[in-house]
Amino acid sequence: MNKLKIWSKIVALTAIVFVFANGLLSAQINYNAIAGQQLNNQLNTITTAVPFLIITPDSRAGGMGDAGVASTPDVNSIHWNPSKLAFVDKKMGIGVSYTPWLRALVPDINLAYLSYYYKTKKRGTIGASLRYFSLGDITFTDANGTVIGNFRPNEFAVDVAYGIKLGKTLSAGGAVRYINSNLTGGTVVDGAPTRAGRAVAVDVSALWRKDKIKLAGGKKAITAIGLNISNIGSKVSYSDRASTGLTSSNFLPINMRLGASFTCQLDDYNSISIECDANKLLVPTPPVYERNSAGGVVYSAGQPVILYGKDPNRGVTEGMLGSFNDAPGGSKEELREINYATGLEYWYNKLFAVRAGFFYENPYKGNRQFFTLGAGVRYNVFGLDFAYLIPTQQRNPLENTLRFTLTFDFDAFKAQNDEKADAK
């Protein structure tokens, strides 16, 4: 009963937060109808530093439309929701994922992801991961086209995560992340050296999960609700001199992901799951600047004049809180900044899986819209997952690309060794 009261308070608090956020949206500047219509029909995408942090790293979620905040826990939970680690049913696991990038254009850009977890004797589970994004070989030239060097730009992030149960149905988790983005290799720009961008970030997450829900016909179900706010951290810059144009610090892709899942055990051999996620970047929306007759931005006291929206040069905390009410097009544009992902997963005897999903992003916020297909097999200690993406609106870096993830189940490996020992 006490746990029910605690959960009721959490639900009530969540409702208050959403009502407050909606109030912020409604309290924005009241633009006239003509201006509002014009603003809401303009492309206004949000850009951040190190966007590789929000690329789906594993093929299981990649086959389910990039949904994963409340899915059943696995070795890739660090990326989607660290609190899911508390509900893993194995002692230890390792996963290796490989994602070719822009394969239709170049052969040497890819994302590699290595993940690991270990369940302690208490209620917690620790995890770690390494994400490495290679941008291939790049030839740098000066303004005259003269070659000044060759370099292989790369970015990587190292995570340490922990998830702990707060009760039978509730868990909390977090992660600490070190980020290194080396895009220039120290190349001199306008007489000033550049450097790798570095940052430290954290994730904060929670999961409510209810097992063994009895349905009609004797069927059982699992339902879950997950929340993860990821990449909360310092800004990134690549130079210390204003003349390079790279001194402005850029926000990390701070992202809020909220979602729910429902898994139904049809019988002893068959199960099906559905999941839906909603995502919003918690960073400033680009404002609309005043422009002169030649199309150039108008400046006053050395600063660009903002017609609609808010100044994007803010601190991290102010930028996160203000991201709910800073869009120049008002609440309509704020709602457009929410992306939706939904996926289906069918398992037969926990040995073979088929997946499908859909991802939607508003046309005025990037227009990423695509279907995904996926499959998975489990055999002894090994598991293999595949994902394939089909764009519906525009070209996608992952189209015509087969992604895969290899997982290792050490519990099954130990069981095999025990069986061999007993046989002797």
Foldseek 3Di string as FASTA:
>chain_A
DVVVVVVVVVVVVVVVVVVVLVVLLVPFDDDDPVVLVVQVPAFFADDFPPPVLQDDFAQVCQQFQNDDQWDQDDQPNQSRFLQNQLVDPAAKKKKKWKAAFLVVPDPPWIKIKIKMKGADPARKIKMKMKIKTKPDKDFDADPVRHTDDIDTWMKMKIKIKMKGDPDPFKIWMKMKMKIWGGGDVQDAAPNFTWAIWIKIFMKIKMKGKDWQCADPPRKTKIKMKMKMFTGQIDFIFTGCDVVRVGNQTTGDQGKIKIKMKMKIDPDLFKIKMKMKMKMAGQAATDFDFDADPVGHFDDDPRHGHGDFFDDRRDGRVCSRVCLSAGRRSGNVVSVLRMKMKMKMWMGTNNAKIKMKIWIAHHPSHPGFTWIKIKMKGDDQFKIKIKMAIGTDPDDGRRHPHIIMMMMGRVVSVVVVVVVVVVVD
